[in-house]
Every structure is written in structure tokens, then in C-alpha cells.
């Protein structure tokens, strides 16, 4: 069902009813852009912490507009043994409903707009008929203003039309406006001498309307009702009516009621989000972190600065979340699914060992046909997101004894995935844990390198040519993370670079410690005797470095015997997990990396067990291959242009070239045969 400003009010009860009766809800959003950053690394880095990723998304993505919101409700029919769906497609636009309402400013990304246009997106429905909205703070402010006007009327201070500093005497009318005001007075006086009860004045300026209000309030204290009316073309004119005291009070009351109704209409689409939040139903999305952030920021409240505060707000708005992207990249699904983009995931979940869910569109709702692929219409994307969730949830039922063909959205089988949102392109932290602490891998194999602005990716490969496979993750033009294949090579690299002049190397722990100190110093400035702020400078933990362009770059060489270390091979171990169920129990096969798990990782316990990540020492010799789906934007951007989905920010693992290798472009991907045949860089949370 397509909803715009023209039919939204009449369909709101239908939306409420669908939400209330649903077993779970699927959502999706389309945006005016993804990132306003100068490059990919401004939004993504393979070694971001959850706090850094949240800060980047908040800084570089929240000025875009979520202008289409898809909602699809799923209710299981026990008699038909199928889901009954009700899809909704909302066009949303922050139209100001009066002069005091917020006038929202937003930005657009040309590639995103071009891509949506190529998919047949109707921008006229957004800008002409988009449903307005107010967040809670904006709504409270406008309601307070309305209440003030009511109190002023109740206290005998006059109506909003007649409040004026000059009410005790004649208004001062500038010479150039006297003729205009005199003509208005003449028109008003005719109301008392003929049968006409209403006169409409010609459109005029705001200052002229103010003079009219003040003059009429002084000259005709009783018997008139004055109101400013706005036409469809935004022209404003004044309407003056001859009334008695009772009629005047009635008209003023009608005006206040009309303002209250307009305010309720202005809250608009936010009412849908309030209904979803109040229902407490499971909300399913695909790669949904941006969807959640935009939804909260636009329709609930501005995003907080701190990640922990964001988690608390999220739990208030969406107490139960499920990300199908995380499910698809986690055991027991990740070995069966080769492409986790939404469109490809829906196709693969129709094949063995999965089964297509049985669904039926409710009467009176337009049905979607997956064969036609109406991708990047938010309602359709929400629909297939729900289908993917049902397929994967039902697949988990096959592990039970006896197997169950249907798994309820309230089943404990899916609880390990609750409130964990997929984090794209972070090597060793696959998800953001909304209800608990996030994973904290040690990253002992990672170095932070600072260097001249002229350096490129090839210079870093040349610098670390003696250390085998490395991975480069750019931070900005003068710094990057370099991940070594062997943790024990870190100290060798640090020792051999002690006297470098053109670059500086730190361990990851030293970098984090220095960054945290800088944050503290920035927040606590001290003042000198001369009244100027004292600047704080951090002494280097390693030798100093310069940025002279003419300096020759050195290649770090480990001690003899460390060269030529080959790639480590990860061998998957198997463990058994017994899942208790009222129908019996069945042991499940799980994927467990050999070796000791990362003891320093913060683990988040669920009712089923522990979510674990692979020890970072097992990352040696692996290649990071971007998922095929990440070449296609899952938020509505064209292939190869989405900053979130582009692979430029993090280069692939590969054998570093020899010292005389040619320089390449900084952000150019370099693939090798080893990289193409390697497994993924990390084992996403092992829930079974």
C-alpha cells in the first residue's frame, strides 16, 4: 500500500491495526545519500572500533534524508500454515506546516539520486506529497507554543490575532503606509453599514499585516474577527468578519482546534514509528544500522554523541531488533550462502537446503512478485527482508529433534541474533551489540603508521616487503593501519624502524592510548599566565620522523631467519552443542577456529550460549575478499559508487612486493591468486 500526504491520515488506523496484529515487522529505508565524506575511509575502515564507526556514520550520514520508509507486517495463519503480509510504502518529507515549525535542511548525494532515478523512483511523490513528521522535541516545542496562545486567551490578554505592544493606543503607522491602512479602515467600516459580514483584503506583506492587526485592535476593539489565511500557492491574505462576542469566541475556539489538528497532522509519519516502538514487536532489517540511526534521528530524537547513549535510546525505540545480514554471515548459514546482498540472499534462500516461505498478501493490499524484482522500493525491500528472515529461522528448526518446519519469531532459537547489528567491513568486530558490551579484539598484529602525504599504498607494501602478507587500512592521507601476518613480527618491525626519519610506527595499543590522551586533553584546556590557552604536545614513543619529500624510503628488514614465513593455514575444528527444547534435543555441528579463542574479547552471553570471535593470531596469511554483495549498494546507491559498499577503504591481504616495486594508486585494489583462493578474514560470531 502506497501512502503519501494525501491518503496517510485516512489509512493511519489501518497501519496501526496491521502493526498490532503482526508477529513481526520488516523495515527498510531509502536515503538521499550515504556519505558526505571525501573518500571511503571517511566512513569505513577495516579496523574501526564500534565507537569510531558510530561517530563516522553520525558525522557523515545523518545530514541526508530518509525519504522513503518501507514497512511489511507478517502474521502467521495457523489454519493456512502461511504468513499473511501487509506491505506499506511511505513517502516522507519534512514539510513545514506553519511559520513556527522546523524548516529542515538536508543534503543529497548525486550518485544516490541518479541511481534511484534509474530504478524508477518517483521524487515528485516525495517533494510534493511526502508525509510530514516531527521528532519528540519539535512536537513538544510546538505544543508548548499552542498552549501559550490558549492561556493568553483564557487570561483575557486577547486572541493571537490581536496581541500587540501598542494595544493601549493607536499604532504608529509609517508615512508610506498610511494610505494603505486608511483604505483598509474604509473597507472594514462598510461591514457595519451593509449586509456583508466578511471582507477579504488583498495579499500584503507581513509588516502590513501587523499594522492592520494593531490598527483594527485599537479602532474596533469589539465586533471583529481577524484572521490570516494562506492559499495553496502560499499567498497570505487577511480575512475580516463582523461578529458578536459569542461568535468571535466560537471562531477563536475553532481556530485553536484547527491549529491543534494541524499540529497532530504535522507529527505525521512519526506516529508510525511510535506505534512500532509501543508494540514491542520484533523489527527485522537487512544491514540495518543506517536504517535504525536515520529512523531515530528523524522521527524520535537527535542522535546522542556517545555510543552507549545511542544503544540506550535504540532499546527504548526498538526493544527487539534482528539483522538478516548478520544472520546470513554467521553459522550455520555462512557456509551455505555465498552472497549476502538482499536480492541475492532472497534467491539463494529458495534453494536447498532452505525452503521458500509460504506467504499470502492480505486482501486489499497490492502483492509483490519477486520475479519482477522491484528492488530499491522500500516497501518491496522490507518484504523480501521478511522473507529472508522466515527462511533462515525455519532452517534452524531442522536442527531440532524432531525437526520443526516453522519457527516462531519468538523462538529461543533466534535469540543469539537479537539486538546485534551488522558492522560492514570491520575485520574482527562483525556486529554492534545493542544490549551489551562490544567485542574488543586485541589486535596485537596491527601497527599504526604515519607518513608523508605523498605516500601511496605501494609505498607501504614496499616498506613492509620483508614481512610477507600484510593488509593496509587507510585512516587518512598521512596515516594507515598495517596488519602483519604474524604477531611476533610486530616487535621486529618496531625495532628496525626506530631511527626512521620519514615515517613513524606505533603498535595498535600505543595508538589507542595516545588517541585517548588527546581526547582528554582537548576536553580539559589549561590557561597560561598570559591568558592564552596552553597547547599540549604528545612526545613520541618512538623516534621522531619528518615529512621531507626528498628522503629516501627504507625497507624494514626483520632479523635473519624471519624472512619467507609462509601463510598460516586455519584448520576448522568441530565442537558439539546440545540445544534443549520441549520436543527433545539434537546436537548441532559448529564451526570453531583451532587454537585458543581470544581471551580478551568481550563476550556477550545469550540464552543459547556465547558469541565468540576468532583469535586475532589466526588472521595470519588470510586474504580479505569483499563480499560480492558489497559491490552493490544495499542502501540504494549504484554499483561502484556507494561509499559504504566500495572496497577502496581497505586493501586486500597480499604478499608485499619487492623493494623496487612500482608505486600504485593509494586506493587501488591489488588482487593475487592467494587472495582469491583464501577464506574470509574472520569467523563471524559462532552462535551454535
Foldseek 3Di string as FASTA:
>chain_A
DEDWQVCCVVCVVVLLVLLQQFQFKFKFFFKLAQFPDPFLLLQDWQADDPLRNVLSRLVTGQLIAGFKMKMKGWHADPVVRATAIFIYIAGADADDLDPPADDRHGDGDVQLVVLCVVLVDDVCRNPVTHQHADAPVRLVVLVVVLVVQVVCVVVVVDHPLQRDPQLVHQDDDDPVCPVVLVVVVVVVVVCVVDDDFKDKDDFDDPVSSVNNSNRCCNPPVFQKDKDWDADPVRTITIMIGGDHPVVNVVVSVVVSVVVVVSSVSNNTPLVSLVSNLVSLHEYEYALCPSVLQNNCCGNYHNADSGPLVNLVVSCNRHVWYFYLLLVCQAPPRVVQQQFSQLLSLLVSQVDPPWNFGHYDYDPPHDDDDNVVPSPPRGRVSSVSRVRSVFRSQLVLQVQFVPRDNGDRPPDLSCFVRIQWRADPSHAFFGTDRSPDDGWDAPLLQKKKKFFALPAAPLLVLLQAQQQWKWKWFDNDSGMIMIGGLASVCVVQQQVQCQPEAGMDMDGPVVVVVVVVVVVVCVVDWDADPVGDTDDDDDDDPGHYYDHDPPDDDDHRHGPPPNGPDAFDDWDWDWDWFWDDDPNGIGIDTWTDTPDDFRPRIDWDADPRGIWGKHRLNNLRLAWADQRPSLQDDSNRGHGPPRSSSHPQRMEIIGNRDHNPDDGDHRRDHDDDPSHVPGDHRIRGTIRD
